[in-house]
N, C-alpha and C. Protein backbone atom coordinates (compact mmCIF):
# COMPACT_ATOMS: atom_id res chain seq x y z
N UNK A 1 -25.26 37.48 -47.45
CA UNK A 1 -24.44 36.87 -46.43
C UNK A 1 -23.18 36.27 -47.04
N UNK A 2 -23.36 35.64 -48.19
CA UNK A 2 -22.19 35.05 -48.85
C UNK A 2 -21.20 36.13 -49.27
N UNK A 3 -21.71 37.25 -49.77
CA UNK A 3 -20.82 38.34 -50.16
C UNK A 3 -20.08 38.89 -48.94
N UNK A 4 -20.76 38.95 -47.79
CA UNK A 4 -20.10 39.40 -46.57
C UNK A 4 -18.99 38.45 -46.14
N UNK A 5 -19.25 37.16 -46.25
CA UNK A 5 -18.21 36.18 -45.90
C UNK A 5 -17.03 36.24 -46.85
N UNK A 6 -17.34 36.43 -48.11
CA UNK A 6 -16.25 36.52 -49.09
C UNK A 6 -15.46 37.82 -48.96
N UNK A 7 -16.05 38.83 -48.35
CA UNK A 7 -15.38 40.11 -48.17
C UNK A 7 -14.37 40.11 -47.02
N UNK A 8 -14.37 39.06 -46.22
CA UNK A 8 -13.43 38.98 -45.10
C UNK A 8 -12.07 38.55 -45.65
N UNK A 9 -11.05 39.28 -45.25
CA UNK A 9 -9.70 39.08 -45.77
C UNK A 9 -9.19 37.68 -45.41
N UNK A 10 -8.52 37.06 -46.35
CA UNK A 10 -7.97 35.72 -46.16
C UNK A 10 -6.91 35.70 -45.06
N UNK A 11 -6.24 36.82 -44.84
CA UNK A 11 -5.22 36.87 -43.80
C UNK A 11 -5.80 36.66 -42.41
N UNK A 12 -7.03 37.07 -42.20
CA UNK A 12 -7.68 36.86 -40.90
C UNK A 12 -7.88 35.38 -40.65
N UNK A 13 -8.31 34.65 -41.67
CA UNK A 13 -8.49 33.20 -41.53
C UNK A 13 -7.14 32.52 -41.24
N UNK A 14 -6.13 32.93 -42.00
CA UNK A 14 -4.81 32.34 -41.81
C UNK A 14 -4.25 32.65 -40.43
N UNK A 15 -4.42 33.89 -39.97
CA UNK A 15 -3.90 34.27 -38.65
C UNK A 15 -4.59 33.49 -37.54
N UNK A 16 -5.87 33.26 -37.67
CA UNK A 16 -6.56 32.49 -36.63
C UNK A 16 -6.10 31.03 -36.62
N UNK A 17 -5.82 30.48 -37.80
CA UNK A 17 -5.30 29.11 -37.85
C UNK A 17 -3.90 29.03 -37.26
N UNK A 18 -3.06 30.03 -37.56
CA UNK A 18 -1.69 30.05 -37.03
C UNK A 18 -1.71 30.18 -35.51
N UNK A 19 -2.61 30.99 -34.99
CA UNK A 19 -2.71 31.19 -33.55
C UNK A 19 -3.35 30.00 -32.84
N UNK A 20 -3.88 29.06 -33.59
CA UNK A 20 -4.47 27.87 -32.99
C UNK A 20 -5.86 28.08 -32.44
N UNK A 21 -6.56 29.09 -32.93
CA UNK A 21 -7.92 29.36 -32.46
C UNK A 21 -8.86 28.35 -33.12
N UNK A 22 -9.71 27.70 -32.32
CA UNK A 22 -10.67 26.76 -32.93
C UNK A 22 -11.61 27.49 -33.89
N UNK A 23 -12.11 26.76 -34.87
CA UNK A 23 -12.95 27.35 -35.91
C UNK A 23 -14.20 28.00 -35.31
N UNK A 24 -14.80 27.37 -34.31
CA UNK A 24 -16.02 27.93 -33.74
C UNK A 24 -15.75 29.26 -33.04
N UNK A 25 -14.59 29.39 -32.40
CA UNK A 25 -14.24 30.65 -31.75
C UNK A 25 -13.90 31.72 -32.79
N UNK A 26 -13.31 31.30 -33.91
CA UNK A 26 -13.03 32.24 -34.99
C UNK A 26 -14.32 32.86 -35.50
N UNK A 27 -15.33 32.03 -35.72
CA UNK A 27 -16.61 32.55 -36.18
C UNK A 27 -17.28 33.41 -35.12
N UNK A 28 -17.29 32.93 -33.88
CA UNK A 28 -18.02 33.61 -32.82
C UNK A 28 -17.42 34.96 -32.45
N UNK A 29 -16.10 35.05 -32.35
CA UNK A 29 -15.47 36.26 -31.86
C UNK A 29 -14.81 37.14 -32.92
N UNK A 30 -14.64 36.62 -34.13
CA UNK A 30 -13.98 37.41 -35.17
C UNK A 30 -14.90 37.65 -36.37
N UNK A 31 -15.42 36.59 -36.94
CA UNK A 31 -16.18 36.70 -38.19
C UNK A 31 -17.54 37.36 -37.98
N UNK A 32 -18.30 36.92 -36.99
CA UNK A 32 -19.63 37.48 -36.76
C UNK A 32 -19.57 38.97 -36.42
N UNK A 33 -18.66 39.42 -35.52
CA UNK A 33 -18.58 40.87 -35.32
C UNK A 33 -18.18 41.65 -36.57
N UNK A 34 -17.37 41.07 -37.42
CA UNK A 34 -16.99 41.76 -38.66
C UNK A 34 -18.16 41.84 -39.64
N UNK A 35 -19.11 40.94 -39.51
CA UNK A 35 -20.25 40.91 -40.42
C UNK A 35 -21.46 41.67 -39.88
N UNK A 36 -21.30 42.47 -38.83
CA UNK A 36 -22.41 43.22 -38.26
C UNK A 36 -23.14 44.07 -39.29
N UNK A 37 -22.45 44.82 -40.17
CA UNK A 37 -23.20 45.59 -41.18
C UNK A 37 -24.03 44.71 -42.12
N UNK A 38 -23.54 43.53 -42.41
CA UNK A 38 -24.29 42.61 -43.27
C UNK A 38 -25.56 42.17 -42.56
N UNK A 39 -25.47 41.87 -41.26
CA UNK A 39 -26.64 41.46 -40.49
C UNK A 39 -27.66 42.59 -40.40
N UNK A 40 -27.21 43.81 -40.19
CA UNK A 40 -28.13 44.95 -40.10
C UNK A 40 -28.83 45.17 -41.43
N UNK A 41 -28.09 45.09 -42.52
CA UNK A 41 -28.69 45.24 -43.85
C UNK A 41 -29.73 44.17 -44.11
N UNK A 42 -29.41 42.93 -43.76
CA UNK A 42 -30.35 41.83 -43.93
C UNK A 42 -31.60 42.05 -43.10
N UNK A 43 -31.44 42.51 -41.88
CA UNK A 43 -32.58 42.77 -41.01
C UNK A 43 -33.49 43.85 -41.60
N UNK A 44 -32.91 44.90 -42.14
CA UNK A 44 -33.71 45.97 -42.75
C UNK A 44 -34.47 45.45 -43.96
N UNK A 45 -33.82 44.67 -44.79
CA UNK A 45 -34.49 44.14 -45.98
C UNK A 45 -35.63 43.20 -45.60
N UNK A 46 -35.41 42.33 -44.62
CA UNK A 46 -36.46 41.40 -44.19
C UNK A 46 -37.61 42.16 -43.53
N UNK A 47 -37.29 43.18 -42.72
CA UNK A 47 -38.34 43.96 -42.06
C UNK A 47 -39.20 44.70 -43.08
N UNK A 48 -38.59 45.25 -44.11
CA UNK A 48 -39.39 45.93 -45.14
C UNK A 48 -40.27 44.93 -45.89
N UNK A 49 -39.79 43.73 -46.08
CA UNK A 49 -40.61 42.69 -46.72
C UNK A 49 -41.80 42.29 -45.87
N UNK A 50 -41.60 42.27 -44.55
CA UNK A 50 -42.70 41.93 -43.65
C UNK A 50 -43.77 43.02 -43.68
N UNK A 51 -43.35 44.27 -43.74
CA UNK A 51 -44.32 45.36 -43.80
C UNK A 51 -45.09 45.32 -45.12
N UNK A 52 -44.43 44.97 -46.20
CA UNK A 52 -45.08 44.96 -47.51
C UNK A 52 -46.00 43.77 -47.70
N UNK A 53 -45.90 42.74 -46.87
CA UNK A 53 -46.73 41.56 -47.06
C UNK A 53 -48.21 41.88 -46.89
N UNK A 54 -48.54 42.96 -46.18
CA UNK A 54 -49.94 43.36 -46.02
C UNK A 54 -50.60 43.56 -47.39
N UNK A 55 -49.92 44.26 -48.29
CA UNK A 55 -50.48 44.51 -49.61
C UNK A 55 -50.77 43.20 -50.35
N UNK A 56 -49.84 42.27 -50.27
CA UNK A 56 -50.03 41.00 -50.97
C UNK A 56 -51.23 40.23 -50.44
N UNK A 57 -51.35 40.17 -49.13
CA UNK A 57 -52.45 39.41 -48.54
C UNK A 57 -53.78 40.03 -48.92
N UNK A 58 -53.90 41.34 -48.83
CA UNK A 58 -55.16 42.00 -49.15
C UNK A 58 -55.48 41.88 -50.63
N UNK A 59 -54.49 42.04 -51.49
CA UNK A 59 -54.74 41.99 -52.93
C UNK A 59 -55.09 40.59 -53.41
N UNK A 60 -54.47 39.57 -52.84
CA UNK A 60 -54.68 38.22 -53.35
C UNK A 60 -55.87 37.51 -52.72
N UNK A 61 -55.98 37.57 -51.39
CA UNK A 61 -56.99 36.74 -50.74
C UNK A 61 -57.94 37.52 -49.84
N UNK A 62 -57.71 38.79 -49.63
CA UNK A 62 -58.49 39.61 -48.68
C UNK A 62 -58.49 38.99 -47.29
N UNK A 63 -57.43 38.29 -46.97
CA UNK A 63 -57.29 37.70 -45.64
C UNK A 63 -57.89 36.33 -45.49
N UNK A 64 -58.44 35.78 -46.52
CA UNK A 64 -59.14 34.50 -46.40
C UNK A 64 -58.31 33.35 -46.90
N UNK A 65 -58.80 32.16 -46.87
CA UNK A 65 -60.07 31.73 -46.28
C UNK A 65 -60.00 31.74 -44.75
N UNK A 66 -61.00 32.26 -44.15
CA UNK A 66 -61.03 32.39 -42.69
C UNK A 66 -59.94 33.35 -42.23
N UNK A 67 -59.06 32.87 -41.37
CA UNK A 67 -57.93 33.67 -40.91
C UNK A 67 -56.62 33.00 -41.32
N UNK A 68 -56.63 32.27 -42.42
CA UNK A 68 -55.46 31.51 -42.85
C UNK A 68 -54.28 32.40 -43.22
N UNK A 69 -54.54 33.57 -43.76
CA UNK A 69 -53.44 34.44 -44.16
C UNK A 69 -53.46 35.75 -43.37
N UNK A 70 -53.81 35.67 -42.12
CA UNK A 70 -53.85 36.86 -41.25
C UNK A 70 -52.43 37.27 -40.87
N UNK A 71 -52.13 38.54 -41.04
CA UNK A 71 -50.84 39.11 -40.62
C UNK A 71 -51.15 40.23 -39.64
N UNK A 72 -50.19 40.60 -38.77
CA UNK A 72 -50.49 41.62 -37.75
C UNK A 72 -51.02 42.94 -38.31
N UNK A 73 -50.45 43.42 -39.40
CA UNK A 73 -50.90 44.69 -39.95
C UNK A 73 -52.34 44.61 -40.43
N UNK A 74 -52.73 43.50 -41.03
CA UNK A 74 -54.11 43.34 -41.50
C UNK A 74 -55.07 43.21 -40.31
N UNK A 75 -54.62 42.55 -39.26
CA UNK A 75 -55.43 42.41 -38.05
C UNK A 75 -55.75 43.79 -37.47
N UNK A 76 -54.73 44.64 -37.35
CA UNK A 76 -54.92 45.99 -36.81
C UNK A 76 -55.85 46.78 -37.72
N UNK A 77 -55.63 46.73 -39.01
CA UNK A 77 -56.47 47.47 -39.96
C UNK A 77 -57.93 47.02 -39.87
N UNK A 78 -58.14 45.71 -39.84
CA UNK A 78 -59.51 45.19 -39.78
C UNK A 78 -60.24 45.67 -38.53
N UNK A 79 -59.59 45.61 -37.39
CA UNK A 79 -60.28 45.99 -36.15
C UNK A 79 -60.45 47.50 -36.03
N UNK A 80 -59.53 48.28 -36.54
CA UNK A 80 -59.64 49.73 -36.37
C UNK A 80 -60.61 50.36 -37.37
N UNK A 81 -60.64 49.87 -38.59
CA UNK A 81 -61.39 50.57 -39.63
C UNK A 81 -62.60 49.82 -40.15
N UNK A 82 -62.60 48.50 -40.08
CA UNK A 82 -63.73 47.78 -40.63
C UNK A 82 -64.68 47.28 -39.55
N UNK A 83 -64.15 46.77 -38.46
CA UNK A 83 -65.01 46.27 -37.38
C UNK A 83 -65.40 47.38 -36.42
N UNK A 84 -64.80 48.57 -36.58
CA UNK A 84 -65.08 49.71 -35.71
C UNK A 84 -64.86 49.38 -34.24
N UNK A 85 -63.87 48.53 -33.97
CA UNK A 85 -63.50 48.19 -32.61
C UNK A 85 -62.15 48.84 -32.33
N UNK A 86 -62.19 50.15 -32.06
CA UNK A 86 -60.96 50.91 -31.92
C UNK A 86 -60.10 50.42 -30.76
N UNK A 87 -60.70 49.99 -29.68
CA UNK A 87 -59.93 49.54 -28.52
C UNK A 87 -59.04 48.36 -28.85
N UNK A 88 -59.61 47.37 -29.53
CA UNK A 88 -58.82 46.19 -29.90
C UNK A 88 -57.75 46.54 -30.94
N UNK A 89 -58.08 47.42 -31.86
CA UNK A 89 -57.10 47.85 -32.85
C UNK A 89 -55.95 48.62 -32.23
N UNK A 90 -56.27 49.54 -31.30
CA UNK A 90 -55.22 50.28 -30.60
C UNK A 90 -54.35 49.36 -29.76
N UNK A 91 -54.97 48.39 -29.11
CA UNK A 91 -54.21 47.45 -28.28
C UNK A 91 -53.25 46.62 -29.14
N UNK A 92 -53.72 46.17 -30.27
CA UNK A 92 -52.87 45.37 -31.16
C UNK A 92 -51.73 46.20 -31.72
N UNK A 93 -52.03 47.43 -32.12
CA UNK A 93 -50.96 48.27 -32.67
C UNK A 93 -49.97 48.68 -31.59
N UNK A 94 -50.44 48.88 -30.37
CA UNK A 94 -49.53 49.18 -29.26
C UNK A 94 -48.62 48.00 -28.97
N UNK A 95 -49.14 46.80 -29.01
CA UNK A 95 -48.31 45.61 -28.77
C UNK A 95 -47.26 45.46 -29.88
N UNK A 96 -47.63 45.78 -31.12
CA UNK A 96 -46.64 45.74 -32.20
C UNK A 96 -45.54 46.76 -31.96
N UNK A 97 -45.92 47.97 -31.53
CA UNK A 97 -44.95 49.02 -31.26
C UNK A 97 -44.04 48.65 -30.08
N UNK A 98 -44.62 48.10 -29.03
CA UNK A 98 -43.82 47.70 -27.87
C UNK A 98 -42.84 46.61 -28.24
N UNK A 99 -43.27 45.67 -29.06
CA UNK A 99 -42.38 44.59 -29.50
C UNK A 99 -41.18 45.15 -30.26
N UNK A 100 -41.42 46.09 -31.14
CA UNK A 100 -40.33 46.71 -31.89
C UNK A 100 -39.43 47.50 -30.94
N UNK A 101 -40.02 48.22 -29.99
CA UNK A 101 -39.23 49.01 -29.03
C UNK A 101 -38.37 48.12 -28.15
N UNK A 102 -38.89 46.96 -27.75
CA UNK A 102 -38.11 46.03 -26.92
C UNK A 102 -36.87 45.56 -27.66
N UNK A 103 -36.96 45.47 -28.96
CA UNK A 103 -35.80 45.03 -29.74
C UNK A 103 -34.88 46.20 -30.08
N UNK A 104 -35.44 47.34 -30.49
CA UNK A 104 -34.63 48.45 -31.00
C UNK A 104 -33.94 49.23 -29.88
N UNK A 105 -34.61 49.49 -28.77
CA UNK A 105 -34.03 50.34 -27.72
C UNK A 105 -32.76 49.72 -27.12
N UNK A 106 -32.76 48.45 -26.69
CA UNK A 106 -31.50 47.90 -26.17
C UNK A 106 -30.40 47.85 -27.23
N UNK A 107 -30.77 47.54 -28.46
CA UNK A 107 -29.77 47.50 -29.52
C UNK A 107 -29.16 48.88 -29.72
N UNK A 108 -30.00 49.92 -29.77
CA UNK A 108 -29.50 51.28 -29.98
C UNK A 108 -28.63 51.72 -28.80
N UNK A 109 -29.01 51.35 -27.59
CA UNK A 109 -28.21 51.71 -26.42
C UNK A 109 -26.84 51.05 -26.49
N UNK A 110 -26.82 49.77 -26.81
CA UNK A 110 -25.53 49.08 -26.89
C UNK A 110 -24.69 49.58 -28.06
N UNK A 111 -25.35 49.93 -29.15
CA UNK A 111 -24.63 50.36 -30.34
C UNK A 111 -24.11 51.79 -30.22
N UNK A 112 -24.91 52.67 -29.68
CA UNK A 112 -24.56 54.09 -29.70
C UNK A 112 -24.28 54.70 -28.32
N UNK A 113 -24.95 54.24 -27.28
CA UNK A 113 -24.83 54.89 -25.99
C UNK A 113 -23.98 54.17 -24.97
N UNK A 114 -23.74 52.89 -25.17
CA UNK A 114 -23.05 52.11 -24.17
C UNK A 114 -21.54 52.20 -24.23
N UNK A 115 -21.00 52.79 -25.26
CA UNK A 115 -19.53 52.87 -25.41
C UNK A 115 -19.01 54.15 -24.79
N UNK A 116 -17.89 54.02 -24.09
CA UNK A 116 -17.25 55.21 -23.55
C UNK A 116 -16.33 55.80 -24.60
N UNK A 117 -16.42 57.09 -24.73
CA UNK A 117 -15.58 57.77 -25.71
C UNK A 117 -14.39 58.37 -24.96
N UNK A 118 -13.25 58.28 -25.60
CA UNK A 118 -12.14 58.88 -24.90
C UNK A 118 -10.93 58.93 -25.65
């Protein structure tokens, strides 16, 4: 994030000050849209870390003590393959998929499909 902020040209900051734009509006309407690739990269890195946390939990504590270190991926795995409760495992994995779809589909529509080309 810091590298993204430092990558913004100093002339943009100066122009917004000369135009009398308040600092909060400069960030909201100029800086944040310019940092969109930085936000997407950060999101991808954090999402991959969340997926990999399953390995850490299983290797270190096997999900214990109790359900103290339960993560969604381990919950789905436990119910589908160890407890032989396929219905609950499928339901949990479907809810995880729907949650991701609720976030990704509107974003993809706005990013790629919502713009008119001309």
